[in-house]
């Protein structure tokens, strides 16, 4: 199973457009689970995944990190990364 996890916080301004970009991409990748983790609410998750910058987006396959994007990126960067690991449904 492939999942995309965005590490975020309520005060993180750049996290909002990243969340929108991932939400826009989700319908093209129905076999991918998308989730957000608030690092203020779940400090352990942030520590466990060495999250030092917000937003951080991890792509995981069966729980193992296969791609990491630190900092805010454009929608194209997230789409390109996902297309490398799972084909989109047209």
PDB file of N, CA and C in Angstrom:
ATOM      1  N   UNK A   1       0.827  -1.183   0.000  1.00  0.00           N
ATOM      2  CA  UNK A   1       0.000   0.000   0.000  1.00  0.00           C
ATOM      3  C   UNK A   1       0.870   1.245   0.000  1.00  0.00           C
ATOM      4  N   UNK A   2       0.484   2.218  -0.793  1.00  0.00           N
ATOM      5  CA  UNK A   2       1.209   3.485  -0.859  1.00  0.00           C
ATOM      6  C   UNK A   2       0.382   4.552  -0.166  1.00  0.00           C
ATOM      7  N   UNK A   3       1.055   5.342   0.654  1.00  0.00           N
ATOM      8  CA  UNK A   3       0.377   6.450   1.318  1.00  0.00           C
ATOM      9  C   UNK A   3       1.227   7.704   1.235  1.00  0.00           C
ATOM     10  N   UNK A   4       0.547   8.842   1.269  1.00  0.00           N
ATOM     11  CA  UNK A   4       1.179  10.150   1.269  1.00  0.00           C
ATOM     12  C   UNK A   4       0.775  10.831   2.560  1.00  0.00           C
ATOM     13  N   UNK A   5       1.770  11.249   3.328  1.00  0.00           N
ATOM     14  CA  UNK A   5       1.498  11.883   4.609  1.00  0.00           C
ATOM     15  C   UNK A   5       2.127  13.271   4.603  1.00  0.00           C
ATOM     16  N   UNK A   6       1.287  14.272   4.846  1.00  0.00           N
ATOM     17  CA  UNK A   6       1.776  15.636   4.989  1.00  0.00           C
ATOM     18  C   UNK A   6       1.868  15.958   6.465  1.00  0.00           C
ATOM     19  N   UNK A   7       3.052  16.341   6.914  1.00  0.00           N
ATOM     20  CA  UNK A   7       3.237  16.810   8.276  1.00  0.00           C
ATOM     21  C   UNK A   7       2.997  18.311   8.264  1.00  0.00           C
ATOM     22  N   UNK A   8       2.119  18.759   9.144  1.00  0.00           N
ATOM     23  CA  UNK A   8       1.633  20.125   9.115  1.00  0.00           C
ATOM     24  C   UNK A   8       1.402  20.631  10.526  1.00  0.00           C
ATOM     25  N   UNK A   9       0.976  21.875  10.638  1.00  0.00           N
ATOM     26  CA  UNK A   9       0.569  22.471  11.910  1.00  0.00           C
ATOM     27  C   UNK A   9      -0.403  23.600  11.580  1.00  0.00           C
ATOM     28  N   UNK A  10      -1.304  23.910  12.510  1.00  0.00           N
ATOM     29  CA  UNK A  10      -2.294  24.955  12.240  1.00  0.00           C
ATOM     30  C   UNK A  10      -1.675  26.314  11.910  1.00  0.00           C
ATOM     31  N   UNK A  11      -0.509  26.613  12.467  1.00  0.00           N
ATOM     32  CA  UNK A  11       0.140  27.900  12.274  1.00  0.00           C
ATOM     33  C   UNK A  11       1.007  27.950  11.010  1.00  0.00           C
ATOM     34  N   UNK A  12       1.118  26.853  10.288  1.00  0.00           N
ATOM     35  CA  UNK A  12       2.006  26.757   9.126  1.00  0.00           C
ATOM     36  C   UNK A  12       1.314  27.304   7.878  1.00  0.00           C
ATOM     37  N   UNK A  13       1.639  28.505   7.485  1.00  0.00           N
ATOM     38  CA  UNK A  13       1.055  29.121   6.291  1.00  0.00           C
ATOM     39  C   UNK A  13       1.334  28.351   5.010  1.00  0.00           C
ATOM     40  N   UNK A  14       2.587  27.968   4.737  1.00  0.00           N
ATOM     41  CA  UNK A  14       2.888  27.239   3.506  1.00  0.00           C
ATOM     42  C   UNK A  14       2.243  25.852   3.440  1.00  0.00           C
ATOM     43  N   UNK A  15       1.787  25.324   4.571  1.00  0.00           N
ATOM     44  CA  UNK A  15       1.158  24.000   4.575  1.00  0.00           C
ATOM     45  C   UNK A  15      -0.195  24.005   3.861  1.00  0.00           C
ATOM     46  N   UNK A  16      -0.880  25.126   3.882  1.00  0.00           N
ATOM     47  CA  UNK A  16      -2.226  25.191   3.303  1.00  0.00           C
ATOM     48  C   UNK A  16      -2.246  24.970   1.794  1.00  0.00           C
ATOM     49  N   UNK A  17      -1.395  25.661   1.011  1.00  0.00           N
ATOM     50  CA  UNK A  17      -1.400  25.381  -0.431  1.00  0.00           C
ATOM     51  C   UNK A  17      -0.901  23.972  -0.762  1.00  0.00           C
ATOM     52  N   UNK A  18      -0.021  23.432   0.058  1.00  0.00           N
ATOM     53  CA  UNK A  18       0.440  22.059  -0.166  1.00  0.00           C
ATOM     54  C   UNK A  18      -0.718  21.092   0.050  1.00  0.00           C
ATOM     55  N   UNK A  19      -1.494  21.315   1.101  1.00  0.00           N
ATOM     56  CA  UNK A  19      -2.668  20.465   1.362  1.00  0.00           C
ATOM     57  C   UNK A  19      -3.651  20.544   0.194  1.00  0.00           C
ATOM     58  N   UNK A  20      -3.852  21.751  -0.351  1.00  0.00           N
ATOM     59  CA  UNK A  20      -4.756  21.899  -1.506  1.00  0.00           C
ATOM     60  C   UNK A  20      -4.218  21.137  -2.712  1.00  0.00           C
ATOM     61  N   UNK A  21      -2.917  21.238  -2.965  1.00  0.00           N
ATOM     62  CA  UNK A  21      -2.313  20.543  -4.110  1.00  0.00           C
ATOM     63  C   UNK A  21      -2.481  19.034  -3.966  1.00  0.00           C
ATOM     64  N   UNK A  22      -2.246  18.511  -2.774  1.00  0.00           N
ATOM     65  CA  UNK A  22      -2.397  17.070  -2.558  1.00  0.00           C
ATOM     66  C   UNK A  22      -3.860  16.650  -2.707  1.00  0.00           C
ATOM     67  N   UNK A  23      -4.784  17.481  -2.234  1.00  0.00           N
ATOM     68  CA  UNK A  23      -6.216  17.177  -2.376  1.00  0.00           C
ATOM     69  C   UNK A  23      -6.621  17.160  -3.844  1.00  0.00           C
ATOM     70  N   UNK A  24      -6.042  18.037  -4.647  1.00  0.00           N
ATOM     71  CA  UNK A  24      -6.319  18.060  -6.086  1.00  0.00           C
ATOM     72  C   UNK A  24      -5.771  16.813  -6.776  1.00  0.00           C
ATOM     73  N   UNK A  25      -4.648  16.302  -6.302  1.00  0.00           N
ATOM     74  CA  UNK A  25      -4.020  15.126  -6.910  1.00  0.00           C
ATOM     75  C   UNK A  25      -4.698  13.818  -6.503  1.00  0.00           C
ATOM     76  N   UNK A  26      -5.310  13.791  -5.343  1.00  0.00           N
ATOM     77  CA  UNK A  26      -5.873  12.549  -4.794  1.00  0.00           C
ATOM     78  C   UNK A  26      -6.801  11.808  -5.758  1.00  0.00           C
ATOM     79  N   UNK A  27      -7.718  12.471  -6.484  1.00  0.00           N
ATOM     80  CA  UNK A  27      -8.603  11.721  -7.391  1.00  0.00           C
ATOM     81  C   UNK A  27      -7.858  10.987  -8.511  1.00  0.00           C
ATOM     82  N   UNK A  28      -6.688  11.482  -8.898  1.00  0.00           N
ATOM     83  CA  UNK A  28      -5.900  10.825  -9.947  1.00  0.00           C
ATOM     84  C   UNK A  28      -5.131   9.618  -9.421  1.00  0.00           C
ATOM     85  N   UNK A  29      -5.086   9.468  -8.108  1.00  0.00           N
ATOM     86  CA  UNK A  29      -4.353   8.371  -7.483  1.00  0.00           C
ATOM     87  C   UNK A  29      -5.248   7.671  -6.458  1.00  0.00           C
ATOM     88  N   UNK A  30      -6.335   7.035  -6.922  1.00  0.00           N
ATOM     89  CA  UNK A  30      -7.301   6.442  -5.980  1.00  0.00           C
ATOM     90  C   UNK A  30      -6.728   5.304  -5.138  1.00  0.00           C
ATOM     91  N   UNK A  31      -5.651   4.690  -5.584  1.00  0.00           N
ATOM     92  CA  UNK A  31      -5.065   3.593  -4.819  1.00  0.00           C
ATOM     93  C   UNK A  31      -4.083   4.086  -3.744  1.00  0.00           C
ATOM     94  N   UNK A  32      -3.907   5.392  -3.656  1.00  0.00           N
ATOM     95  CA  UNK A  32      -3.006   5.988  -2.671  1.00  0.00           C
ATOM     96  C   UNK A  32      -3.831   6.579  -1.530  1.00  0.00           C
ATOM     97  N   UNK A  33      -3.411   6.319  -0.306  1.00  0.00           N
ATOM     98  CA  UNK A  33      -4.063   6.900   0.868  1.00  0.00           C
ATOM     99  C   UNK A  33      -3.362   8.211   1.217  1.00  0.00           C
ATOM    100  N   UNK A  34      -4.129   9.282   1.315  1.00  0.00           N
ATOM    101  CA  UNK A  34      -3.590  10.593   1.660  1.00  0.00           C
ATOM    102  C   UNK A  34      -3.977  10.922   3.095  1.00  0.00           C
ATOM    103  N   UNK A  35      -3.025  11.476   3.859  1.00  0.00           N
ATOM    104  CA  UNK A  35      -3.290  11.816   5.255  1.00  0.00           C
ATOM    105  C   UNK A  35      -2.461  13.024   5.668  1.00  0.00           C
ATOM    106  N   UNK A  36      -2.897  13.665   6.735  1.00  0.00           N
ATOM    107  CA  UNK A  36      -2.152  14.766   7.339  1.00  0.00           C
ATOM    108  C   UNK A  36      -1.886  14.426   8.797  1.00  0.00           C
ATOM    109  N   UNK A  37      -0.725  14.839   9.277  1.00  0.00           N
ATOM    110  CA  UNK A  37      -0.402  14.696  10.697  1.00  0.00           C
ATOM    111  C   UNK A  37      -0.030  16.073  11.222  1.00  0.00           C
ATOM    112  N   UNK A  38      -0.747  16.514  12.244  1.00  0.00           N
ATOM    113  CA  UNK A  38      -0.470  17.779  12.919  1.00  0.00           C
ATOM    114  C   UNK A  38       0.652  17.509  13.921  1.00  0.00           C
ATOM    115  N   UNK A  39       1.827  18.080  13.678  1.00  0.00           N
ATOM    116  CA  UNK A  39       2.973  17.803  14.545  1.00  0.00           C
ATOM    117  C   UNK A  39       2.836  18.424  15.930  1.00  0.00           C
ATOM    118  N   UNK A  40       1.944  19.412  16.074  1.00  0.00           N
ATOM    119  CA  UNK A  40       1.680  19.943  17.411  1.00  0.00           C
ATOM    120  C   UNK A  40       0.879  18.940  18.230  1.00  0.00           C
ATOM    121  N   UNK A  41      -0.041  18.240  17.584  1.00  0.00           N
ATOM    122  CA  UNK A  41      -0.890  17.264  18.265  1.00  0.00           C
ATOM    123  C   UNK A  41      -0.211  15.903  18.401  1.00  0.00           C
ATOM    124  N   UNK A  42       0.683  15.570  17.463  1.00  0.00           N
ATOM    125  CA  UNK A  42       1.357  14.267  17.468  1.00  0.00           C
ATOM    126  C   UNK A  42       2.864  14.477  17.321  1.00  0.00           C
ATOM    127  N   UNK A  43       3.463  14.972  18.383  1.00  0.00           N
ATOM    128  CA  UNK A  43       4.897  15.281  18.377  1.00  0.00           C
ATOM    129  C   UNK A  43       5.721  14.038  18.065  1.00  0.00           C
ATOM    130  N   UNK A  44       5.313  12.893  18.623  1.00  0.00           N
ATOM    131  CA  UNK A  44       6.053  11.637  18.422  1.00  0.00           C
ATOM    132  C   UNK A  44       6.196  11.283  16.942  1.00  0.00           C
ATOM    133  N   UNK A  45       5.142  11.476  16.162  1.00  0.00           N
ATOM    134  CA  UNK A  45       5.194  11.151  14.737  1.00  0.00           C
ATOM    135  C   UNK A  45       6.221  12.026  14.030  1.00  0.00           C
ATOM    136  N   UNK A  46       6.247  13.293  14.363  1.00  0.00           N
ATOM    137  CA  UNK A  46       7.233  14.192  13.766  1.00  0.00           C
ATOM    138  C   UNK A  46       8.655  13.799  14.107  1.00  0.00           C
ATOM    139  N   UNK A  47       8.869  13.440  15.376  1.00  0.00           N
ATOM    140  CA  UNK A  47      10.197  13.009  15.821  1.00  0.00           C
ATOM    141  C   UNK A  47      10.589  11.701  15.136  1.00  0.00           C
ATOM    142  N   UNK A  48       9.664  10.755  15.097  1.00  0.00           N
ATOM    143  CA  UNK A  48       9.924   9.442  14.506  1.00  0.00           C
ATOM    144  C   UNK A  48      10.349   9.547  13.047  1.00  0.00           C
ATOM    145  N   UNK A  49       9.798  10.533  12.335  1.00  0.00           N
ATOM    146  CA  UNK A  49      10.099  10.681  10.907  1.00  0.00           C
ATOM    147  C   UNK A  49      11.063  11.826  10.620  1.00  0.00           C
ATOM    148  N   UNK A  50      11.758  12.311  11.662  1.00  0.00           N
ATOM    149  CA  UNK A  50      12.767  13.363  11.509  1.00  0.00           C
ATOM    150  C   UNK A  50      12.239  14.589  10.772  1.00  0.00           C
ATOM    151  N   UNK A  51      11.041  15.016  11.116  1.00  0.00           N
ATOM    152  CA  UNK A  51      10.450  16.201  10.497  1.00  0.00           C
ATOM    153  C   UNK A  51      11.039  17.438  11.170  1.00  0.00           C
ATOM    154  N   UNK A  52      11.834  18.188  10.402  1.00  0.00           N
ATOM    155  CA  UNK A  52      12.469  19.394  10.903  1.00  0.00           C
ATOM    156  C   UNK A  52      11.924  20.644  10.230  1.00  0.00           C
ATOM    157  N   UNK A  53      11.212  20.457   9.120  1.00  0.00           N
ATOM    158  CA  UNK A  53      10.690  21.555   8.310  1.00  0.00           C
ATOM    159  C   UNK A  53       9.221  21.278   8.027  1.00  0.00           C
ATOM    160  N   UNK A  54       8.414  22.330   8.071  1.00  0.00           N
ATOM    161  CA  UNK A  54       7.010  22.192   7.675  1.00  0.00           C
ATOM    162  C   UNK A  54       6.773  23.035   6.434  1.00  0.00           C
ATOM    163  N   UNK A  55       6.020  22.524   5.502  1.00  0.00           N
ATOM    164  CA  UNK A  55       5.479  21.174   5.463  1.00  0.00           C
ATOM    165  C   UNK A  55       6.552  20.167   5.043  1.00  0.00           C
ATOM    166  N   UNK A  56       6.385  18.941   5.485  1.00  0.00           N
ATOM    167  CA  UNK A  56       7.150  17.806   4.998  1.00  0.00           C
ATOM    168  C   UNK A  56       6.139  16.787   4.491  1.00  0.00           C
ATOM    169  N   UNK A  57       6.384  16.273   3.296  1.00  0.00           N
ATOM    170  CA  UNK A  57       5.505  15.261   2.710  1.00  0.00           C
ATOM    171  C   UNK A  57       6.319  13.992   2.514  1.00  0.00           C
ATOM    172  N   UNK A  58       5.810  12.897   3.065  1.00  0.00           N
ATOM    173  CA  UNK A  58       6.451  11.593   2.895  1.00  0.00           C
ATOM    174  C   UNK A  58       5.558  10.710   2.047  1.00  0.00           C
ATOM    175  N   UNK A  59       6.189   9.966   1.143  1.00  0.00           N
ATOM    176  CA  UNK A  59       5.486   8.930   0.389  1.00  0.00           C
ATOM    177  C   UNK A  59       6.004   7.608   0.942  1.00  0.00           C
ATOM    178  N   UNK A  60       5.075   6.770   1.396  1.00  0.00           N
ATOM    179  CA  UNK A  60       5.451   5.503   2.006  1.00  0.00           C
ATOM    180  C   UNK A  60       4.863   4.327   1.242  1.00  0.00           C
ATOM    181  N   UNK A  61       5.633   3.269   1.139  1.00  0.00           N
ATOM    182  CA  UNK A  61       5.144   2.005   0.591  1.00  0.00           C
ATOM    183  C   UNK A  61       5.263   0.983   1.707  1.00  0.00           C
ATOM    184  N   UNK A  62       4.133   0.455   2.118  1.00  0.00           N
ATOM    185  CA  UNK A  62       4.085  -0.522   3.213  1.00  0.00           C
ATOM    186  C   UNK A  62       4.813  -0.013   4.454  1.00  0.00           C
ATOM    187  N   UNK A  63       4.647   1.280   4.743  1.00  0.00           N
ATOM    188  CA  UNK A  63       5.226   1.869   5.939  1.00  0.00           C
ATOM    189  C   UNK A  63       6.656   2.351   5.813  1.00  0.00           C
ATOM    190  N   UNK A  64       7.307   2.067   4.693  1.00  0.00           N
ATOM    191  CA  UNK A  64       8.697   2.482   4.475  1.00  0.00           C
ATOM    192  C   UNK A  64       8.723   3.737   3.605  1.00  0.00           C
ATOM    193  N   UNK A  65       9.512   4.722   4.008  1.00  0.00           N
ATOM    194  CA  UNK A  65       9.609   5.971   3.250  1.00  0.00           C
ATOM    195  C   UNK A  65      10.329   5.705   1.924  1.00  0.00           C
ATOM    196  N   UNK A  66       9.651   6.063   0.821  1.00  0.00           N
ATOM    197  CA  UNK A  66      10.268   5.902  -0.502  1.00  0.00           C
ATOM    198  C   UNK A  66      10.507   7.252  -1.179  1.00  0.00           C
ATOM    199  N   UNK A  67       9.928   8.316  -0.633  1.00  0.00           N
ATOM    200  CA  UNK A  67      10.184   9.666  -1.139  1.00  0.00           C
ATOM    201  C   UNK A  67       9.899  10.657  -0.028  1.00  0.00           C
ATOM    202  N   UNK A  68      10.676  11.732  -0.025  1.00  0.00           N
ATOM    203  CA  UNK A  68      10.536  12.768   1.005  1.00  0.00           C
ATOM    204  C   UNK A  68      10.667  14.118   0.319  1.00  0.00           C
ATOM    205  N   UNK A  69       9.718  15.001   0.578  1.00  0.00           N
ATOM    206  CA  UNK A  69       9.765  16.358   0.047  1.00  0.00           C
ATOM    207  C   UNK A  69       9.660  17.323   1.222  1.00  0.00           C
ATOM    208  N   UNK A  70      10.776  17.948   1.572  1.00  0.00           N
ATOM    209  CA  UNK A  70      10.818  18.893   2.684  1.00  0.00           C
ATOM    210  C   UNK A  70      10.554  20.300   2.171  1.00  0.00           C
ATOM    211  N   UNK A  71       9.734  21.040   2.897  1.00  0.00           N
ATOM    212  CA  UNK A  71       9.415  22.406   2.512  1.00  0.00           C
ATOM    213  C   UNK A  71       8.306  22.440   1.470  1.00  0.00           C
ATOM    214  N   UNK A  72       7.740  23.625   1.290  1.00  0.00           N
ATOM    215  CA  UNK A  72       6.649  23.784   0.332  1.00  0.00           C
ATOM    216  C   UNK A  72       7.182  23.626  -1.092  1.00  0.00           C
ATOM    217  N   UNK A  73       6.471  22.868  -1.881  1.00  0.00           N
ATOM    218  CA  UNK A  73       6.803  22.643  -3.280  1.00  0.00           C
ATOM    219  C   UNK A  73       5.573  22.939  -4.114  1.00  0.00           C
ATOM    220  N   UNK A  74       5.784  23.022  -5.410  1.00  0.00           N
ATOM    221  CA  UNK A  74       4.663  23.200  -6.319  1.00  0.00           C
ATOM    222  C   UNK A  74       3.951  21.879  -6.564  1.00  0.00           C
ATOM    223  N   UNK A  75       2.720  21.982  -7.008  1.00  0.00           N
ATOM    224  CA  UNK A  75       1.893  20.807  -7.297  1.00  0.00           C
ATOM    225  C   UNK A  75       2.610  19.830  -8.231  1.00  0.00           C
ATOM    226  N   UNK A  76       3.334  20.362  -9.212  1.00  0.00           N
ATOM    227  CA  UNK A  76       4.042  19.517 -10.181  1.00  0.00           C
ATOM    228  C   UNK A  76       5.067  18.609  -9.509  1.00  0.00           C
ATOM    229  N   UNK A  77       5.739  19.099  -8.483  1.00  0.00           N
ATOM    230  CA  UNK A  77       6.727  18.270  -7.776  1.00  0.00           C
ATOM    231  C   UNK A  77       6.060  17.069  -7.108  1.00  0.00           C
ATOM    232  N   UNK A  78       4.909  17.303  -6.485  1.00  0.00           N
ATOM    233  CA  UNK A  78       4.201  16.197  -5.828  1.00  0.00           C
ATOM    234  C   UNK A  78       3.657  15.216  -6.863  1.00  0.00           C
ATOM    235  N   UNK A  79       3.126  15.752  -7.955  1.00  0.00           N
ATOM    236  CA  UNK A  79       2.591  14.881  -9.004  1.00  0.00           C
ATOM    237  C   UNK A  79       3.693  14.032  -9.631  1.00  0.00           C
ATOM    238  N   UNK A  80       4.831  14.651  -9.921  1.00  0.00           N
ATOM    239  CA  UNK A  80       5.956  13.920 -10.519  1.00  0.00           C
ATOM    240  C   UNK A  80       6.423  12.801  -9.588  1.00  0.00           C
ATOM    241  N   UNK A  81       6.524  13.109  -8.309  1.00  0.00           N
ATOM    242  CA  UNK A  81       6.958  12.103  -7.330  1.00  0.00           C
ATOM    243  C   UNK A  81       5.971  10.942  -7.289  1.00  0.00           C
ATOM    244  N   UNK A  82       4.686  11.247  -7.263  1.00  0.00           N
ATOM    245  CA  UNK A  82       3.683  10.174  -7.234  1.00  0.00           C
ATOM    246  C   UNK A  82       3.706   9.342  -8.510  1.00  0.00           C
ATOM    247  N   UNK A  83       3.853   9.974  -9.647  1.00  0.00           N
ATOM    248  CA  UNK A  83       3.895   9.231 -10.914  1.00  0.00           C
ATOM    249  C   UNK A  83       5.106   8.304 -10.983  1.00  0.00           C
ATOM    250  N   UNK A  84       6.168   8.619 -10.268  1.00  0.00           N
ATOM    251  CA  UNK A  84       7.332   7.746 -10.239  1.00  0.00           C
ATOM    252  C   UNK A  84       7.059   6.439  -9.487  1.00  0.00           C
ATOM    253  N   UNK A  85       6.123   6.483  -8.536  1.00  0.00           N
ATOM    254  CA  UNK A  85       5.882   5.295  -7.711  1.00  0.00           C
ATOM    255  C   UNK A  85       4.578   4.592  -7.984  1.00  0.00           C
ATOM    256  N   UNK A  86       3.611   5.274  -8.614  1.00  0.00           N
ATOM    257  CA  UNK A  86       2.318   4.643  -8.910  1.00  0.00           C
ATOM    258  C   UNK A  86       1.717   5.314 -10.141  1.00  0.00           C
ATOM    259  N   UNK A  87       1.253   4.540 -11.097  1.00  0.00           N
ATOM    260  CA  UNK A  87       0.643   5.145 -12.271  1.00  0.00           C
ATOM    261  C   UNK A  87      -0.714   5.776 -11.942  1.00  0.00           C
ATOM    262  N   UNK A  88      -0.980   6.924 -12.530  1.00  0.00           N
ATOM    263  CA  UNK A  88      -2.254   7.600 -12.300  1.00  0.00           C
ATOM    264  C   UNK A  88      -3.351   6.927 -13.105  1.00  0.00           C
ATOM    265  N   UNK A  89      -4.558   7.004 -12.588  1.00  0.00           N
ATOM    266  CA  UNK A  89      -5.732   6.521 -13.307  1.00  0.00           C
ATOM    267  C   UNK A  89      -6.289   7.694 -14.093  1.00  0.00           C
ATOM    268  N   UNK A  90      -6.414   7.509 -15.388  1.00  0.00           N
ATOM    269  CA  UNK A  90      -6.896   8.611 -16.238  1.00  0.00           C
ATOM    270  C   UNK A  90      -8.393   8.700 -16.194  1.00  0.00           C
TER     271      UNK A  90
END
